[in-house]
Amino acid sequence: MAEEYICLFGKNGVGKSALCITWVSGVFVASYDPTIADSHRKQVIVDGDVCLLNVLDAASSEYDMGLCTAWIYQCRAFALVYSICDRSSFDRLNRYAQTIFRIKDRTDIPILLVGNKCDEEMQRQVPLQEAQELADALGCSVMETSAKDNINLELLFFTLIRNIRTDRKHLENRSHHVTTSVNRLSK
């Protein structure tokens, strides 16, 4: 069984913990203390393969950088979560992505922009088109979710697992190509 690690980053109050808890337990918890840092586990079957998914819910208060750096090294994929009702939460996403790119020393990391609270359309401050433009600039995808109404939660986590698998194959192919090229040069 594969074991994978993903991390959710985002401003306090965007619903990172609610996304995790609702997906793992099936129950939406309306009130939750702000996260210091937490982790959740769930065994799932994605495309016929069993996976134990570890979801790291990053601390909300501009992050303990030691822990943040360790988690970025450990994780294979990232969800950058914002609330569609909070412009400032969206405005931070590029900074989170750049931190991940710098620590991972590559820009082709499996990242997903996640606009949470899509059940609150009347309070929307971030148009989906604007989120799509940022996703295009970062080379990733965007989706909207609602922890409260359990909208796209399985899709969110399964997409991240699939992106990890695709990335792993890409890295293995690139490594094989480099090894083959080195072997040819040494002959």
N, C-alpha and C. Protein backbone atom coordinates (compact mmCIF):
# COMPACT_ATOMS: atom_id res chain seq x y z
N MET A 1 0.85 -1.18 0.00
CA MET A 1 0.00 0.00 0.00
C MET A 1 0.89 1.24 0.00
N ALA A 2 0.58 2.15 -0.89
CA ALA A 2 1.32 3.41 -0.97
C ALA A 2 0.90 4.31 0.18
N GLU A 3 1.86 5.04 0.70
CA GLU A 3 1.57 6.05 1.72
C GLU A 3 2.04 7.38 1.16
N GLU A 4 1.13 8.36 1.14
CA GLU A 4 1.43 9.66 0.56
C GLU A 4 1.18 10.76 1.58
N TYR A 5 1.88 11.87 1.39
CA TYR A 5 1.76 13.03 2.25
C TYR A 5 1.41 14.25 1.41
N ILE A 6 0.37 14.95 1.85
CA ILE A 6 0.01 16.23 1.22
C ILE A 6 -0.13 17.27 2.33
N CYS A 7 -0.04 18.52 1.95
CA CYS A 7 -0.15 19.59 2.93
C CYS A 7 -1.13 20.64 2.43
N LEU A 8 -1.94 21.15 3.34
CA LEU A 8 -2.86 22.24 3.05
C LEU A 8 -2.31 23.52 3.69
N PHE A 9 -2.11 24.54 2.85
CA PHE A 9 -1.70 25.86 3.33
C PHE A 9 -2.83 26.83 3.07
N GLY A 10 -2.93 27.84 3.90
CA GLY A 10 -3.92 28.88 3.70
C GLY A 10 -4.09 29.72 4.95
N LYS A 11 -4.68 30.86 4.76
CA LYS A 11 -4.92 31.80 5.84
C LYS A 11 -5.87 31.20 6.88
N ASN A 12 -5.74 31.65 8.12
CA ASN A 12 -6.64 31.25 9.19
C ASN A 12 -8.09 31.52 8.78
N GLY A 13 -8.96 30.54 8.99
CA GLY A 13 -10.38 30.73 8.75
C GLY A 13 -10.87 30.36 7.36
N VAL A 14 -9.98 29.89 6.48
CA VAL A 14 -10.44 29.54 5.13
C VAL A 14 -11.10 28.17 5.08
N GLY A 15 -10.92 27.37 6.13
CA GLY A 15 -11.59 26.08 6.19
C GLY A 15 -10.70 24.88 5.93
N LYS A 16 -9.39 25.02 6.12
CA LYS A 16 -8.48 23.88 5.91
C LYS A 16 -8.85 22.72 6.82
N SER A 17 -8.99 23.00 8.10
CA SER A 17 -9.33 21.95 9.06
C SER A 17 -10.69 21.36 8.75
N ALA A 18 -11.65 22.20 8.39
CA ALA A 18 -12.99 21.71 8.06
C ALA A 18 -12.95 20.78 6.85
N LEU A 19 -12.14 21.12 5.84
CA LEU A 19 -12.00 20.25 4.67
C LEU A 19 -11.49 18.88 5.10
N CYS A 20 -10.45 18.87 5.93
CA CYS A 20 -9.86 17.61 6.38
C CYS A 20 -10.83 16.80 7.23
N ILE A 21 -11.39 17.43 8.23
CA ILE A 21 -12.27 16.72 9.17
C ILE A 21 -13.51 16.19 8.46
N THR A 22 -14.12 17.01 7.61
CA THR A 22 -15.32 16.57 6.90
C THR A 22 -15.00 15.39 5.99
N TRP A 23 -13.87 15.45 5.28
CA TRP A 23 -13.51 14.36 4.37
C TRP A 23 -13.18 13.08 5.14
N VAL A 24 -12.42 13.20 6.22
CA VAL A 24 -12.01 12.01 6.97
C VAL A 24 -13.18 11.40 7.73
N SER A 25 -14.00 12.25 8.39
CA SER A 25 -15.05 11.73 9.27
C SER A 25 -16.44 11.73 8.65
N GLY A 26 -16.62 12.55 7.60
CA GLY A 26 -17.95 12.67 7.00
C GLY A 26 -18.86 13.62 7.76
N VAL A 27 -18.32 14.29 8.77
CA VAL A 27 -19.11 15.20 9.60
C VAL A 27 -18.50 16.60 9.54
N PHE A 28 -19.35 17.60 9.24
CA PHE A 28 -18.89 18.99 9.24
C PHE A 28 -18.95 19.53 10.65
N VAL A 29 -17.83 20.06 11.12
CA VAL A 29 -17.75 20.67 12.45
C VAL A 29 -17.77 22.18 12.25
N ALA A 30 -18.86 22.83 12.67
CA ALA A 30 -19.03 24.26 12.42
C ALA A 30 -18.05 25.12 13.20
N SER A 31 -17.77 24.76 14.44
CA SER A 31 -16.82 25.56 15.22
C SER A 31 -15.60 24.71 15.52
N TYR A 32 -14.44 25.30 15.28
CA TYR A 32 -13.19 24.58 15.47
C TYR A 32 -12.14 25.59 15.88
N ASP A 33 -11.32 25.24 16.88
CA ASP A 33 -10.25 26.14 17.30
C ASP A 33 -9.24 26.29 16.18
N PRO A 34 -8.70 27.50 16.00
CA PRO A 34 -7.69 27.69 14.95
C PRO A 34 -6.54 26.71 15.12
N THR A 35 -6.10 26.21 14.02
CA THR A 35 -5.08 25.18 14.01
C THR A 35 -3.71 25.71 14.39
N ILE A 36 -3.05 24.98 15.27
CA ILE A 36 -1.63 25.21 15.49
C ILE A 36 -0.91 24.43 14.39
N ALA A 37 -1.19 23.18 14.30
CA ALA A 37 -0.74 22.29 13.23
C ALA A 37 -1.40 20.96 13.55
N ASP A 38 -1.87 20.28 12.55
CA ASP A 38 -2.59 19.05 12.78
C ASP A 38 -2.37 18.12 11.60
N SER A 39 -2.66 16.85 11.80
CA SER A 39 -2.58 15.91 10.69
C SER A 39 -3.75 14.95 10.76
N HIS A 40 -4.12 14.45 9.60
CA HIS A 40 -5.26 13.55 9.47
C HIS A 40 -4.83 12.42 8.54
N ARG A 41 -5.39 11.21 8.76
CA ARG A 41 -5.07 10.06 7.91
C ARG A 41 -6.35 9.40 7.44
N LYS A 42 -6.29 8.91 6.21
CA LYS A 42 -7.42 8.16 5.69
C LYS A 42 -6.91 7.18 4.64
N GLN A 43 -7.38 5.95 4.75
CA GLN A 43 -7.05 4.94 3.73
C GLN A 43 -8.14 4.98 2.67
N VAL A 44 -7.72 5.10 1.41
CA VAL A 44 -8.67 5.21 0.31
C VAL A 44 -8.23 4.32 -0.84
N ILE A 45 -9.16 4.06 -1.73
CA ILE A 45 -8.84 3.36 -2.98
C ILE A 45 -9.08 4.35 -4.10
N VAL A 46 -8.01 4.64 -4.84
CA VAL A 46 -8.08 5.58 -5.96
C VAL A 46 -7.65 4.84 -7.21
N ASP A 47 -8.55 4.75 -8.16
CA ASP A 47 -8.27 4.06 -9.43
C ASP A 47 -7.79 2.63 -9.20
N GLY A 48 -8.37 1.97 -8.21
CA GLY A 48 -8.06 0.57 -7.94
C GLY A 48 -6.86 0.32 -7.05
N ASP A 49 -6.14 1.36 -6.67
CA ASP A 49 -4.96 1.21 -5.82
C ASP A 49 -5.22 1.79 -4.43
N VAL A 50 -4.82 1.02 -3.41
CA VAL A 50 -5.00 1.46 -2.03
C VAL A 50 -3.92 2.48 -1.68
N CYS A 51 -4.33 3.51 -0.97
CA CYS A 51 -3.41 4.57 -0.56
C CYS A 51 -3.75 5.01 0.86
N LEU A 52 -2.73 5.13 1.68
CA LEU A 52 -2.90 5.74 3.00
C LEU A 52 -2.47 7.19 2.85
N LEU A 53 -3.44 8.09 2.93
CA LEU A 53 -3.16 9.51 2.72
C LEU A 53 -3.01 10.22 4.06
N ASN A 54 -1.88 10.88 4.22
CA ASN A 54 -1.60 11.71 5.39
C ASN A 54 -1.77 13.15 4.96
N VAL A 55 -2.70 13.84 5.59
CA VAL A 55 -2.98 15.23 5.24
C VAL A 55 -2.47 16.11 6.38
N LEU A 56 -1.51 16.95 6.07
CA LEU A 56 -0.93 17.85 7.06
C LEU A 56 -1.63 19.20 6.93
N ASP A 57 -2.24 19.62 8.00
CA ASP A 57 -3.02 20.86 8.05
C ASP A 57 -2.13 21.91 8.70
N ALA A 58 -1.51 22.75 7.85
CA ALA A 58 -0.49 23.69 8.33
C ALA A 58 -1.08 24.72 9.26
N ALA A 59 -0.26 25.15 10.21
CA ALA A 59 -0.66 26.19 11.15
C ALA A 59 -1.04 27.45 10.38
N SER A 60 -2.02 28.15 10.88
CA SER A 60 -2.59 29.28 10.15
C SER A 60 -1.87 30.59 10.37
N SER A 61 -1.15 30.75 11.47
CA SER A 61 -0.60 32.06 11.82
C SER A 61 0.77 32.28 11.19
N GLU A 62 0.78 32.44 9.89
CA GLU A 62 2.00 32.68 9.11
C GLU A 62 3.08 31.64 9.37
N TYR A 63 2.68 30.51 9.91
CA TYR A 63 3.47 29.29 9.94
C TYR A 63 4.78 29.37 10.72
N ASP A 64 4.95 28.38 11.52
CA ASP A 64 6.24 28.11 12.15
C ASP A 64 7.14 27.64 11.02
N MET A 65 8.08 28.47 10.61
CA MET A 65 8.85 28.18 9.40
C MET A 65 9.66 26.89 9.50
N GLY A 66 10.11 26.51 10.69
CA GLY A 66 10.81 25.23 10.82
C GLY A 66 9.91 24.07 10.48
N LEU A 67 8.72 24.07 11.06
CA LEU A 67 7.75 23.02 10.78
C LEU A 67 7.29 23.09 9.33
N CYS A 68 7.04 24.29 8.86
CA CYS A 68 6.59 24.50 7.48
C CYS A 68 7.61 23.92 6.51
N THR A 69 8.87 24.22 6.71
CA THR A 69 9.92 23.73 5.82
C THR A 69 10.00 22.21 5.87
N ALA A 70 9.94 21.64 7.06
CA ALA A 70 9.99 20.18 7.20
C ALA A 70 8.81 19.54 6.48
N TRP A 71 7.62 20.11 6.63
CA TRP A 71 6.45 19.55 5.97
C TRP A 71 6.55 19.67 4.46
N ILE A 72 7.07 20.78 3.97
CA ILE A 72 7.21 20.94 2.53
C ILE A 72 8.16 19.89 1.98
N TYR A 73 9.27 19.64 2.67
CA TYR A 73 10.18 18.58 2.24
C TYR A 73 9.49 17.22 2.22
N GLN A 74 8.67 16.96 3.23
CA GLN A 74 8.04 15.65 3.38
C GLN A 74 6.90 15.42 2.38
N CYS A 75 6.19 16.45 2.04
CA CYS A 75 4.97 16.28 1.23
C CYS A 75 5.26 16.20 -0.26
N ARG A 76 4.37 15.47 -0.95
CA ARG A 76 4.50 15.29 -2.39
C ARG A 76 3.54 16.17 -3.17
N ALA A 77 2.50 16.71 -2.50
CA ALA A 77 1.53 17.57 -3.17
C ALA A 77 0.98 18.57 -2.15
N PHE A 78 0.42 19.66 -2.70
CA PHE A 78 -0.01 20.76 -1.85
C PHE A 78 -1.34 21.31 -2.34
N ALA A 79 -2.21 21.63 -1.37
CA ALA A 79 -3.44 22.37 -1.66
C ALA A 79 -3.27 23.75 -1.04
N LEU A 80 -3.37 24.76 -1.88
CA LEU A 80 -3.32 26.14 -1.40
C LEU A 80 -4.75 26.62 -1.30
N VAL A 81 -5.24 26.73 -0.07
CA VAL A 81 -6.66 26.94 0.19
C VAL A 81 -6.94 28.41 0.49
N TYR A 82 -7.98 28.92 -0.16
CA TYR A 82 -8.46 30.27 0.11
C TYR A 82 -9.97 30.20 0.24
N SER A 83 -10.55 31.22 0.85
CA SER A 83 -12.00 31.32 0.91
C SER A 83 -12.45 32.21 -0.24
N ILE A 84 -13.47 31.77 -0.97
CA ILE A 84 -13.97 32.60 -2.07
C ILE A 84 -14.57 33.90 -1.54
N CYS A 85 -14.79 33.97 -0.21
CA CYS A 85 -15.39 35.14 0.43
C CYS A 85 -14.35 36.05 1.08
N ASP A 86 -13.07 35.76 0.89
CA ASP A 86 -12.01 36.51 1.57
C ASP A 86 -10.88 36.80 0.58
N ARG A 87 -10.91 38.00 0.03
CA ARG A 87 -9.91 38.42 -0.96
C ARG A 87 -8.49 38.26 -0.44
N SER A 88 -8.25 38.64 0.82
CA SER A 88 -6.88 38.59 1.35
C SER A 88 -6.35 37.16 1.42
N SER A 89 -7.22 36.18 1.61
CA SER A 89 -6.76 34.79 1.64
C SER A 89 -6.28 34.35 0.25
N PHE A 90 -6.92 34.86 -0.78
CA PHE A 90 -6.50 34.56 -2.16
C PHE A 90 -5.18 35.25 -2.48
N ASP A 91 -5.04 36.48 -2.02
CA ASP A 91 -3.85 37.27 -2.33
C ASP A 91 -2.57 36.66 -1.77
N ARG A 92 -2.66 35.76 -0.80
CA ARG A 92 -1.48 35.12 -0.20
C ARG A 92 -1.00 33.88 -0.98
N LEU A 93 -1.81 33.36 -1.88
CA LEU A 93 -1.51 32.07 -2.49
C LEU A 93 -0.20 32.06 -3.27
N ASN A 94 0.08 33.11 -4.02
CA ASN A 94 1.31 33.14 -4.80
C ASN A 94 2.54 33.05 -3.89
N ARG A 95 2.48 33.72 -2.75
CA ARG A 95 3.60 33.67 -1.80
C ARG A 95 3.80 32.24 -1.28
N TYR A 96 2.69 31.55 -0.96
CA TYR A 96 2.82 30.16 -0.51
C TYR A 96 3.45 29.30 -1.60
N ALA A 97 2.99 29.47 -2.83
CA ALA A 97 3.52 28.68 -3.95
C ALA A 97 5.01 28.95 -4.13
N GLN A 98 5.41 30.21 -4.08
CA GLN A 98 6.83 30.54 -4.26
C GLN A 98 7.69 29.93 -3.15
N THR A 99 7.17 29.89 -1.94
CA THR A 99 7.90 29.25 -0.84
C THR A 99 8.08 27.76 -1.11
N ILE A 100 7.03 27.10 -1.57
CA ILE A 100 7.11 25.68 -1.90
C ILE A 100 8.11 25.45 -3.03
N PHE A 101 8.04 26.25 -4.08
CA PHE A 101 8.97 26.11 -5.20
C PHE A 101 10.42 26.27 -4.73
N ARG A 102 10.65 27.25 -3.87
CA ARG A 102 12.02 27.51 -3.39
C ARG A 102 12.53 26.34 -2.55
N ILE A 103 11.72 25.86 -1.63
CA ILE A 103 12.16 24.78 -0.75
C ILE A 103 12.32 23.47 -1.52
N LYS A 104 11.41 23.19 -2.43
CA LYS A 104 11.49 21.95 -3.22
C LYS A 104 12.51 22.06 -4.35
N ASP A 105 12.94 23.28 -4.65
CA ASP A 105 13.91 23.55 -5.71
C ASP A 105 13.41 23.07 -7.08
N ARG A 106 12.12 23.24 -7.30
CA ARG A 106 11.52 22.97 -8.60
C ARG A 106 10.15 23.62 -8.64
N THR A 107 9.67 23.91 -9.84
CA THR A 107 8.38 24.59 -9.98
C THR A 107 7.28 23.68 -10.51
N ASP A 108 7.63 22.45 -10.87
CA ASP A 108 6.61 21.53 -11.40
C ASP A 108 6.11 20.59 -10.31
N ILE A 109 5.73 21.17 -9.21
CA ILE A 109 5.23 20.45 -8.04
C ILE A 109 3.72 20.27 -8.18
N PRO A 110 3.17 19.12 -7.75
CA PRO A 110 1.71 18.98 -7.75
C PRO A 110 1.07 19.93 -6.73
N ILE A 111 0.47 20.98 -7.26
CA ILE A 111 -0.22 21.99 -6.44
C ILE A 111 -1.63 22.16 -6.99
N LEU A 112 -2.56 22.37 -6.10
CA LEU A 112 -3.95 22.61 -6.47
C LEU A 112 -4.42 23.84 -5.70
N LEU A 113 -4.97 24.82 -6.41
CA LEU A 113 -5.60 25.96 -5.74
C LEU A 113 -7.02 25.54 -5.38
N VAL A 114 -7.42 25.79 -4.15
CA VAL A 114 -8.72 25.33 -3.66
C VAL A 114 -9.50 26.52 -3.11
N GLY A 115 -10.57 26.89 -3.81
CA GLY A 115 -11.46 27.94 -3.35
C GLY A 115 -12.55 27.33 -2.49
N ASN A 116 -12.41 27.44 -1.18
CA ASN A 116 -13.37 26.83 -0.27
C ASN A 116 -14.53 27.79 0.00
N LYS A 117 -15.59 27.25 0.53
CA LYS A 117 -16.82 27.97 0.90
C LYS A 117 -17.63 28.36 -0.34
N CYS A 118 -17.62 27.50 -1.35
CA CYS A 118 -18.40 27.80 -2.57
C CYS A 118 -19.90 27.78 -2.29
N ASP A 119 -20.30 27.32 -1.11
CA ASP A 119 -21.71 27.37 -0.72
C ASP A 119 -22.13 28.79 -0.33
N GLU A 120 -21.18 29.72 -0.23
CA GLU A 120 -21.47 31.10 0.16
C GLU A 120 -21.31 32.04 -1.04
N GLU A 121 -21.93 31.69 -2.14
CA GLU A 121 -21.79 32.42 -3.40
C GLU A 121 -22.14 33.90 -3.27
N MET A 122 -23.12 34.23 -2.45
CA MET A 122 -23.55 35.63 -2.32
C MET A 122 -22.47 36.51 -1.69
N GLN A 123 -21.52 35.91 -0.98
CA GLN A 123 -20.44 36.67 -0.36
C GLN A 123 -19.13 36.60 -1.16
N ARG A 124 -19.19 36.08 -2.37
CA ARG A 124 -17.99 35.86 -3.18
C ARG A 124 -17.21 37.15 -3.39
N GLN A 125 -15.90 37.08 -3.14
CA GLN A 125 -14.98 38.19 -3.41
C GLN A 125 -13.92 37.81 -4.45
N VAL A 126 -13.79 36.52 -4.73
CA VAL A 126 -12.77 36.04 -5.67
C VAL A 126 -13.47 35.31 -6.81
N PRO A 127 -13.52 35.92 -8.01
CA PRO A 127 -14.13 35.24 -9.15
C PRO A 127 -13.31 34.01 -9.54
N LEU A 128 -14.00 32.96 -9.96
CA LEU A 128 -13.32 31.74 -10.38
C LEU A 128 -12.34 32.02 -11.51
N GLN A 129 -12.70 32.92 -12.42
CA GLN A 129 -11.81 33.24 -13.54
C GLN A 129 -10.47 33.80 -13.05
N GLU A 130 -10.50 34.61 -12.02
CA GLU A 130 -9.26 35.16 -11.46
C GLU A 130 -8.40 34.05 -10.84
N ALA A 131 -9.06 33.13 -10.16
CA ALA A 131 -8.33 31.99 -9.59
C ALA A 131 -7.73 31.13 -10.69
N GLN A 132 -8.47 30.96 -11.79
CA GLN A 132 -7.96 30.18 -12.92
C GLN A 132 -6.73 30.85 -13.53
N GLU A 133 -6.74 32.17 -13.61
CA GLU A 133 -5.58 32.90 -14.14
C GLU A 133 -4.34 32.68 -13.27
N LEU A 134 -4.51 32.71 -11.94
CA LEU A 134 -3.38 32.44 -11.06
C LEU A 134 -2.92 31.00 -11.22
N ALA A 135 -3.86 30.08 -11.29
CA ALA A 135 -3.51 28.66 -11.47
C ALA A 135 -2.71 28.47 -12.75
N ASP A 136 -3.14 29.11 -13.83
CA ASP A 136 -2.40 29.02 -15.10
C ASP A 136 -0.99 29.56 -14.94
N ALA A 137 -0.84 30.67 -14.24
CA ALA A 137 0.48 31.28 -14.03
C ALA A 137 1.39 30.37 -13.20
N LEU A 138 0.80 29.63 -12.26
CA LEU A 138 1.57 28.73 -11.40
C LEU A 138 1.74 27.34 -12.00
N GLY A 139 1.03 27.07 -13.10
CA GLY A 139 1.13 25.75 -13.73
C GLY A 139 0.37 24.68 -12.97
N CYS A 140 -0.77 25.05 -12.42
CA CYS A 140 -1.55 24.09 -11.65
C CYS A 140 -3.03 24.22 -12.00
N SER A 141 -3.87 23.52 -11.26
CA SER A 141 -5.31 23.55 -11.48
C SER A 141 -5.99 24.26 -10.31
N VAL A 142 -7.26 24.56 -10.51
CA VAL A 142 -8.05 25.18 -9.45
C VAL A 142 -9.38 24.45 -9.36
N MET A 143 -9.92 24.37 -8.16
CA MET A 143 -11.27 23.83 -7.96
C MET A 143 -11.90 24.54 -6.79
N GLU A 144 -13.21 24.48 -6.74
CA GLU A 144 -13.93 25.07 -5.61
C GLU A 144 -14.58 23.95 -4.80
N THR A 145 -14.61 24.16 -3.49
CA THR A 145 -15.11 23.16 -2.56
C THR A 145 -16.01 23.81 -1.52
N SER A 146 -16.73 22.97 -0.81
CA SER A 146 -17.45 23.39 0.38
C SER A 146 -17.35 22.27 1.41
N ALA A 147 -16.65 22.54 2.50
CA ALA A 147 -16.59 21.57 3.58
C ALA A 147 -17.97 21.41 4.20
N LYS A 148 -18.69 22.52 4.31
CA LYS A 148 -20.02 22.51 4.94
C LYS A 148 -20.99 21.60 4.19
N ASP A 149 -21.00 21.69 2.87
CA ASP A 149 -21.93 20.90 2.06
C ASP A 149 -21.27 19.69 1.41
N ASN A 150 -20.02 19.40 1.80
CA ASN A 150 -19.28 18.25 1.27
C ASN A 150 -19.23 18.26 -0.26
N ILE A 151 -18.92 19.41 -0.82
CA ILE A 151 -18.84 19.56 -2.28
C ILE A 151 -17.38 19.43 -2.71
N ASN A 152 -17.12 18.47 -3.57
CA ASN A 152 -15.81 18.24 -4.20
C ASN A 152 -14.70 17.84 -3.24
N LEU A 153 -15.03 17.38 -2.04
CA LEU A 153 -13.98 17.00 -1.10
C LEU A 153 -13.24 15.76 -1.56
N GLU A 154 -13.97 14.73 -1.95
CA GLU A 154 -13.31 13.53 -2.45
C GLU A 154 -12.51 13.86 -3.71
N LEU A 155 -13.08 14.66 -4.59
CA LEU A 155 -12.38 15.06 -5.81
C LEU A 155 -11.08 15.79 -5.46
N LEU A 156 -11.10 16.66 -4.47
CA LEU A 156 -9.91 17.39 -4.04
C LEU A 156 -8.79 16.42 -3.66
N PHE A 157 -9.06 15.52 -2.74
CA PHE A 157 -8.01 14.64 -2.24
C PHE A 157 -7.61 13.58 -3.27
N PHE A 158 -8.56 13.07 -4.03
CA PHE A 158 -8.22 12.09 -5.07
C PHE A 158 -7.41 12.75 -6.18
N THR A 159 -7.71 14.00 -6.52
CA THR A 159 -6.93 14.71 -7.54
C THR A 159 -5.48 14.86 -7.07
N LEU A 160 -5.28 15.20 -5.81
CA LEU A 160 -3.92 15.32 -5.29
C LEU A 160 -3.18 13.99 -5.34
N ILE A 161 -3.86 12.90 -4.99
CA ILE A 161 -3.23 11.57 -5.08
C ILE A 161 -2.86 11.25 -6.52
N ARG A 162 -3.78 11.50 -7.44
CA ARG A 162 -3.48 11.25 -8.86
C ARG A 162 -2.32 12.12 -9.34
N ASN A 163 -2.28 13.37 -8.90
CA ASN A 163 -1.18 14.25 -9.29
C ASN A 163 0.16 13.76 -8.75
N ILE A 164 0.16 13.21 -7.55
CA ILE A 164 1.39 12.63 -6.98
C ILE A 164 1.84 11.46 -7.85
N ARG A 165 0.92 10.60 -8.22
CA ARG A 165 1.28 9.44 -9.05
C ARG A 165 1.84 9.87 -10.40
N THR A 166 1.21 10.86 -11.02
CA THR A 166 1.69 11.37 -12.30
C THR A 166 3.08 11.99 -12.14
N ASP A 167 3.27 12.76 -11.08
CA ASP A 167 4.57 13.39 -10.83
C ASP A 167 5.64 12.33 -10.60
N ARG A 168 5.32 11.29 -9.85
CA ARG A 168 6.29 10.22 -9.58
C ARG A 168 6.72 9.56 -10.89
N LYS A 169 5.76 9.26 -11.77
CA LYS A 169 6.10 8.65 -13.06
C LYS A 169 6.97 9.59 -13.89
N HIS A 170 6.63 10.87 -13.87
CA HIS A 170 7.42 11.86 -14.61
C HIS A 170 8.86 11.89 -14.10
N LEU A 171 9.03 11.90 -12.78
CA LEU A 171 10.38 11.93 -12.20
C LEU A 171 11.14 10.65 -12.49
N GLU A 172 10.45 9.50 -12.43
CA GLU A 172 11.11 8.23 -12.76
C GLU A 172 11.54 8.20 -14.21
N ASN A 173 10.70 8.68 -15.11
CA ASN A 173 11.06 8.72 -16.54
C ASN A 173 12.25 9.65 -16.77
N ARG A 174 12.24 10.79 -16.09
CA ARG A 174 13.33 11.74 -16.25
C ARG A 174 14.63 11.14 -15.70
N SER A 175 14.55 10.45 -14.57
CA SER A 175 15.71 9.80 -13.98
C SER A 175 16.23 8.70 -14.91
N HIS A 176 15.33 7.92 -15.48
CA HIS A 176 15.72 6.86 -16.41
C HIS A 176 16.40 7.45 -17.63
N HIS A 177 15.87 8.56 -18.14
CA HIS A 177 16.46 9.22 -19.31
C HIS A 177 17.87 9.71 -18.99
N VAL A 178 18.06 10.30 -17.82
CA VAL A 178 19.38 10.80 -17.43
C VAL A 178 20.35 9.63 -17.27
N THR A 179 19.92 8.54 -16.63
CA THR A 179 20.77 7.37 -16.46
C THR A 179 21.17 6.79 -17.80
N THR A 180 20.22 6.68 -18.72
CA THR A 180 20.49 6.16 -20.05
C THR A 180 21.49 7.06 -20.78
N SER A 181 21.31 8.37 -20.67
CA SER A 181 22.22 9.31 -21.33
C SER A 181 23.63 9.22 -20.76
N VAL A 182 23.75 9.09 -19.43
CA VAL A 182 25.06 8.97 -18.79
C VAL A 182 25.73 7.68 -19.22
N ASN A 183 24.98 6.59 -19.28
CA ASN A 183 25.54 5.31 -19.71
C ASN A 183 26.06 5.40 -21.14
N ARG A 184 25.34 6.09 -22.00
CA ARG A 184 25.78 6.24 -23.39
C ARG A 184 27.07 7.06 -23.46
N LEU A 185 27.16 8.10 -22.64
CA LEU A 185 28.34 8.96 -22.65
C LEU A 185 29.58 8.23 -22.11
N SER A 186 29.38 7.31 -21.18
CA SER A 186 30.52 6.63 -20.57
C SER A 186 31.06 5.49 -21.43
N LYS A 187 30.37 5.16 -22.50
CA LYS A 187 30.84 4.07 -23.38
C LYS A 187 31.86 4.55 -24.36
